Amino acid sequence: MQRNGKTGLIFGIILVIVGLIILLNKLGALNLNLKKIISIISVTYGAYLGYSGFGLNSNKKVFWGSIFFFFGIYLFIDSFGLLNPEIHFFWPVVLIVTGLSFLMSFVNRPKDYALLLPAVMLIGIGTLFLLTDIGIIYSFEFWENFEKFCPVLLIILGLYFILKKR
């Protein structure tokens, strides 16, 4: 019963903060657009969910809290126009954020080594896509090497299923 009351209290505080931010924005005291508001909500909710997940040893909460938190940070940076609009950041960021969420789940349960495999794979692939989009790695070279080393993904996937807790 106490847990439900605590969750309701925290949810109520979050609603009050969000309401105040929207009200101050409408009154002109803050200069926030919808993307900034959504990013603030996402970071706040993700931090809360991740924090409670670490406290309860719940990988599901840690994973989804990390997704909301890291994606909220991406939206917040993008809302200030700091990202080059000619570069397609979205899909590499989705892969990297998902990989970071698996990594945070591993930090929550260090004995579950199977979580490291998708983390490293998704962060690595997302980083390669991002470097290709930025122009540090040329697309032709990337796909030529990707074709060569594609079986490594099958090996990593097989190791994931072998190491995964049953």
C-alpha atoms as a PDB file:
ATOM      1  CA  MET A   1       0.000   0.000   0.000  1.00  0.00           C
ATOM      2  CA  GLN A   2       2.833   2.369   0.824  1.00  0.00           C
ATOM      3  CA  ARG A   3       4.435   1.751  -2.570  1.00  0.00           C
ATOM      4  CA  ASN A   4       1.254   2.794  -4.415  1.00  0.00           C
ATOM      5  CA  GLY A   5       1.027   5.933  -2.280  1.00  0.00           C
ATOM      6  CA  LYS A   6       4.661   6.780  -3.026  1.00  0.00           C
ATOM      7  CA  THR A   7       4.152   6.222  -6.756  1.00  0.00           C
ATOM      8  CA  GLY A   8       1.063   8.425  -6.697  1.00  0.00           C
ATOM      9  CA  LEU A   9       2.956  11.141  -4.828  1.00  0.00           C
ATOM     10  CA  ILE A  10       5.836  11.131  -7.305  1.00  0.00           C
ATOM     11  CA  PHE A  11       3.448  11.059 -10.264  1.00  0.00           C
ATOM     12  CA  GLY A  12       1.553  13.989  -8.733  1.00  0.00           C
ATOM     13  CA  ILE A  13       4.770  15.981  -8.281  1.00  0.00           C
ATOM     14  CA  ILE A  14       5.743  15.302 -11.899  1.00  0.00           C
ATOM     15  CA  LEU A  15       2.299  16.499 -13.081  1.00  0.00           C
ATOM     16  CA  VAL A  16       2.597  19.691 -11.015  1.00  0.00           C
ATOM     17  CA  ILE A  17       6.082  20.413 -12.416  1.00  0.00           C
ATOM     18  CA  VAL A  18       4.968  19.757 -15.990  1.00  0.00           C
ATOM     19  CA  GLY A  19       1.868  21.909 -15.478  1.00  0.00           C
ATOM     20  CA  LEU A  20       3.991  24.756 -14.099  1.00  0.00           C
ATOM     21  CA  ILE A  21       6.405  24.535 -17.024  1.00  0.00           C
ATOM     22  CA  ILE A  22       3.556  24.636 -19.561  1.00  0.00           C
ATOM     23  CA  LEU A  23       1.848  27.509 -17.704  1.00  0.00           C
ATOM     24  CA  LEU A  24       5.058  29.566 -17.499  1.00  0.00           C
ATOM     25  CA  ASN A  25       5.659  28.881 -21.180  1.00  0.00           C
ATOM     26  CA  LYS A  26       2.152  30.067 -22.126  1.00  0.00           C
ATOM     27  CA  LEU A  27       2.561  33.199 -19.984  1.00  0.00           C
ATOM     28  CA  GLY A  28       5.836  34.017 -21.737  1.00  0.00           C
ATOM     29  CA  ALA A  29       8.065  33.522 -18.691  1.00  0.00           C
ATOM     30  CA  LEU A  30       9.779  30.577 -20.385  1.00  0.00           C
ATOM     31  CA  ASN A  31      10.646  30.134 -24.028  1.00  0.00           C
ATOM     32  CA  LEU A  32       9.985  26.442 -24.636  1.00  0.00           C
ATOM     33  CA  ASN A  33       8.591  24.705 -27.670  1.00  0.00           C
ATOM     34  CA  LEU A  34       6.737  21.381 -27.631  1.00  0.00           C
ATOM     35  CA  LYS A  35       9.923  19.410 -28.365  1.00  0.00           C
ATOM     36  CA  LYS A  36      11.652  20.920 -25.312  1.00  0.00           C
ATOM     37  CA  ILE A  37       8.659  20.171 -23.087  1.00  0.00           C
ATOM     38  CA  ILE A  38       8.462  16.562 -24.311  1.00  0.00           C
ATOM     39  CA  SER A  39      12.211  16.144 -23.819  1.00  0.00           C
ATOM     40  CA  ILE A  40      12.016  17.449 -20.243  1.00  0.00           C
ATOM     41  CA  ILE A  41       9.119  15.104 -19.470  1.00  0.00           C
ATOM     42  CA  SER A  42      10.964  12.185 -21.074  1.00  0.00           C
ATOM     43  CA  VAL A  43      14.198  12.817 -19.148  1.00  0.00           C
ATOM     44  CA  THR A  44      12.327  13.267 -15.864  1.00  0.00           C
ATOM     45  CA  TYR A  45      10.193  10.156 -16.325  1.00  0.00           C
ATOM     46  CA  GLY A  46      13.186   8.122 -17.515  1.00  0.00           C
ATOM     47  CA  ALA A  47      15.285   9.176 -14.524  1.00  0.00           C
ATOM     48  CA  TYR A  48      12.460   8.270 -12.157  1.00  0.00           C
ATOM     49  CA  LEU A  49      11.823   4.921 -13.837  1.00  0.00           C
ATOM     50  CA  GLY A  50      15.525   4.039 -13.972  1.00  0.00           C
ATOM     51  CA  TYR A  51      16.078   5.063 -10.361  1.00  0.00           C
ATOM     52  CA  SER A  52      13.142   2.988  -9.139  1.00  0.00           C
ATOM     53  CA  GLY A  53      14.284   0.094 -11.333  1.00  0.00           C
ATOM     54  CA  PHE A  54      17.731   0.074  -9.740  1.00  0.00           C
ATOM     55  CA  GLY A  55      16.109   0.194  -6.299  1.00  0.00           C
ATOM     56  CA  LEU A  56      13.766  -2.692  -7.063  1.00  0.00           C
ATOM     57  CA  ASN A  57      16.353  -4.626  -9.124  1.00  0.00           C
ATOM     58  CA  SER A  58      13.929  -4.531 -12.067  1.00  0.00           C
ATOM     59  CA  ASN A  59      15.666  -4.755 -15.432  1.00  0.00           C
ATOM     60  CA  LYS A  60      12.440  -3.867 -17.234  1.00  0.00           C
ATOM     61  CA  LYS A  61      12.208  -0.506 -15.440  1.00  0.00           C
ATOM     62  CA  VAL A  62      15.926   0.176 -15.886  1.00  0.00           C
ATOM     63  CA  PHE A  63      15.716  -0.607 -19.610  1.00  0.00           C
ATOM     64  CA  TRP A  64      12.649   1.545 -20.340  1.00  0.00           C
ATOM     65  CA  GLY A  65      13.823   4.290 -17.994  1.00  0.00           C
ATOM     66  CA  SER A  66      17.088   4.443 -19.934  1.00  0.00           C
ATOM     67  CA  ILE A  67      15.199   4.578 -23.242  1.00  0.00           C
ATOM     68  CA  PHE A  68      13.119   7.553 -22.061  1.00  0.00           C
ATOM     69  CA  PHE A  69      16.101   9.273 -20.428  1.00  0.00           C
ATOM     70  CA  PHE A  70      18.590   9.016 -23.309  1.00  0.00           C
ATOM     71  CA  PHE A  71      16.006   9.724 -26.008  1.00  0.00           C
ATOM     72  CA  GLY A  72      14.853  12.757 -23.999  1.00  0.00           C
ATOM     73  CA  ILE A  73      18.428  14.047 -23.918  1.00  0.00           C
ATOM     74  CA  TYR A  74      18.625  13.615 -27.702  1.00  0.00           C
ATOM     75  CA  LEU A  75      15.354  15.546 -28.166  1.00  0.00           C
ATOM     76  CA  PHE A  76      16.544  18.287 -25.808  1.00  0.00           C
ATOM     77  CA  ILE A  77      19.803  18.767 -27.753  1.00  0.00           C
ATOM     78  CA  ASP A  78      17.883  18.700 -31.034  1.00  0.00           C
ATOM     79  CA  SER A  79      15.358  21.274 -29.771  1.00  0.00           C
ATOM     80  CA  PHE A  80      18.147  23.866 -29.513  1.00  0.00           C
ATOM     81  CA  GLY A  81      19.098  23.308 -33.151  1.00  0.00           C
ATOM     82  CA  LEU A  82      22.554  22.017 -32.258  1.00  0.00           C
ATOM     83  CA  LEU A  83      22.297  19.054 -34.645  1.00  0.00           C
ATOM     84  CA  ASN A  84      22.944  19.538 -38.336  1.00  0.00           C
ATOM     85  CA  PRO A  85      19.596  19.058 -40.142  1.00  0.00           C
ATOM     86  CA  GLU A  86      21.378  17.670 -43.225  1.00  0.00           C
ATOM     87  CA  ILE A  87      22.626  14.688 -41.246  1.00  0.00           C
ATOM     88  CA  HIS A  88      20.146  11.944 -40.429  1.00  0.00           C
ATOM     89  CA  PHE A  89      20.680  11.325 -36.725  1.00  0.00           C
ATOM     90  CA  PHE A  90      17.434   9.574 -35.827  1.00  0.00           C
ATOM     91  CA  TRP A  91      18.117   5.899 -36.667  1.00  0.00           C
ATOM     92  CA  PRO A  92      21.709   5.832 -35.429  1.00  0.00           C
ATOM     93  CA  VAL A  93      20.503   7.454 -32.195  1.00  0.00           C
ATOM     94  CA  VAL A  94      17.721   4.863 -31.846  1.00  0.00           C
ATOM     95  CA  LEU A  95      20.298   2.061 -32.126  1.00  0.00           C
ATOM     96  CA  ILE A  96      22.738   3.739 -29.731  1.00  0.00           C
ATOM     97  CA  VAL A  97      20.014   4.555 -27.166  1.00  0.00           C
ATOM     98  CA  THR A  98      18.708   0.982 -27.268  1.00  0.00           C
ATOM     99  CA  GLY A  99      22.265  -0.312 -26.828  1.00  0.00           C
ATOM    100  CA  LEU A 100      22.823   2.030 -23.876  1.00  0.00           C
ATOM    101  CA  SER A 101      19.590   0.739 -22.334  1.00  0.00           C
ATOM    102  CA  PHE A 102      20.861  -2.844 -22.563  1.00  0.00           C
ATOM    103  CA  LEU A 103      24.118  -1.631 -21.006  1.00  0.00           C
ATOM    104  CA  MET A 104      22.223  -0.017 -18.111  1.00  0.00           C
ATOM    105  CA  SER A 105      20.316  -3.291 -17.621  1.00  0.00           C
ATOM    106  CA  PHE A 106      23.670  -5.055 -17.390  1.00  0.00           C
ATOM    107  CA  VAL A 107      24.841  -2.508 -14.807  1.00  0.00           C
ATOM    108  CA  ASN A 108      21.701  -3.374 -12.822  1.00  0.00           C
ATOM    109  CA  ARG A 109      22.468  -7.120 -13.025  1.00  0.00           C
ATOM    110  CA  PRO A 110      26.204  -7.576 -13.644  1.00  0.00           C
ATOM    111  CA  LYS A 111      25.960 -11.375 -13.644  1.00  0.00           C
ATOM    112  CA  ASP A 112      23.724 -11.333 -16.734  1.00  0.00           C
ATOM    113  CA  TYR A 113      26.513 -11.205 -19.339  1.00  0.00           C
ATOM    114  CA  ALA A 114      24.080 -11.868 -22.177  1.00  0.00           C
ATOM    115  CA  LEU A 115      22.948  -8.233 -21.943  1.00  0.00           C
ATOM    116  CA  LEU A 116      26.397  -7.047 -23.032  1.00  0.00           C
ATOM    117  CA  LEU A 117      26.115  -8.621 -26.473  1.00  0.00           C
ATOM    118  CA  PRO A 118      23.115  -6.625 -27.751  1.00  0.00           C
ATOM    119  CA  ALA A 119      24.509  -3.543 -25.998  1.00  0.00           C
ATOM    120  CA  VAL A 120      27.856  -3.698 -27.775  1.00  0.00           C
ATOM    121  CA  MET A 121      26.285  -4.719 -31.081  1.00  0.00           C
ATOM    122  CA  LEU A 122      23.659  -1.942 -31.129  1.00  0.00           C
ATOM    123  CA  ILE A 123      26.027   0.772 -29.903  1.00  0.00           C
ATOM    124  CA  GLY A 124      28.627  -0.336 -32.445  1.00  0.00           C
ATOM    125  CA  ILE A 125      26.242  -0.466 -35.399  1.00  0.00           C
ATOM    126  CA  GLY A 126      24.633   2.840 -34.412  1.00  0.00           C
ATOM    127  CA  THR A 127      28.052   4.467 -34.116  1.00  0.00           C
ATOM    128  CA  LEU A 128      29.082   3.139 -37.526  1.00  0.00           C
ATOM    129  CA  PHE A 129      25.880   4.468 -39.110  1.00  0.00           C
ATOM    130  CA  LEU A 130      26.415   7.814 -37.403  1.00  0.00           C
ATOM    131  CA  LEU A 131      30.037   8.030 -38.589  1.00  0.00           C
ATOM    132  CA  THR A 132      28.862   7.176 -42.108  1.00  0.00           C
ATOM    133  CA  ASP A 133      26.166   9.877 -42.008  1.00  0.00           C
ATOM    134  CA  ILE A 134      28.649  12.456 -40.710  1.00  0.00           C
ATOM    135  CA  GLY A 135      31.119  11.565 -43.454  1.00  0.00           C
ATOM    136  CA  ILE A 136      33.991  10.196 -41.376  1.00  0.00           C
ATOM    137  CA  ILE A 137      33.498   6.732 -42.872  1.00  0.00           C
ATOM    138  CA  TYR A 138      32.577   6.537 -46.536  1.00  0.00           C
ATOM    139  CA  SER A 139      29.389   4.663 -47.274  1.00  0.00           C
ATOM    140  CA  PHE A 140      30.887   2.384 -49.935  1.00  0.00           C
ATOM    141  CA  GLU A 141      33.709   1.252 -47.634  1.00  0.00           C
ATOM    142  CA  PHE A 142      31.269   0.681 -44.798  1.00  0.00           C
ATOM    143  CA  TRP A 143      28.916  -1.551 -46.802  1.00  0.00           C
ATOM    144  CA  GLU A 144      31.810  -3.426 -48.388  1.00  0.00           C
ATOM    145  CA  ASN A 145      33.221  -4.266 -44.949  1.00  0.00           C
ATOM    146  CA  PHE A 146      29.764  -4.895 -43.507  1.00  0.00           C
ATOM    147  CA  GLU A 147      29.149  -7.544 -46.149  1.00  0.00           C
ATOM    148  CA  LYS A 148      32.479  -9.149 -45.293  1.00  0.00           C
ATOM    149  CA  PHE A 149      31.898  -9.222 -41.540  1.00  0.00           C
ATOM    150  CA  CYS A 150      28.134  -9.826 -41.496  1.00  0.00           C
ATOM    151  CA  PRO A 151      28.593 -13.392 -40.129  1.00  0.00           C
ATOM    152  CA  VAL A 152      29.990 -11.806 -36.954  1.00  0.00           C
ATOM    153  CA  LEU A 153      26.426 -10.630 -36.216  1.00  0.00           C
ATOM    154  CA  LEU A 154      25.222 -14.234 -36.401  1.00  0.00           C
ATOM    155  CA  ILE A 155      28.008 -15.287 -34.030  1.00  0.00           C
ATOM    156  CA  ILE A 156      27.082 -12.522 -31.573  1.00  0.00           C
ATOM    157  CA  LEU A 157      23.402 -13.444 -31.772  1.00  0.00           C
ATOM    158  CA  GLY A 158      24.249 -17.106 -31.157  1.00  0.00           C
ATOM    159  CA  LEU A 159      26.378 -16.168 -28.139  1.00  0.00           C
ATOM    160  CA  TYR A 160      23.492 -14.105 -26.797  1.00  0.00           C
ATOM    161  CA  PHE A 161      21.178 -17.120 -26.853  1.00  0.00           C
ATOM    162  CA  ILE A 162      23.864 -19.334 -25.307  1.00  0.00           C
ATOM    163  CA  LEU A 163      24.671 -16.916 -22.458  1.00  0.00           C
ATOM    164  CA  LYS A 164      21.092 -15.779 -21.852  1.00  0.00           C
ATOM    165  CA  LYS A 165      19.727 -16.811 -18.473  1.00  0.00           C
ATOM    166  CA  ARG A 166      17.148 -19.533 -18.731  1.00  0.00           C
END
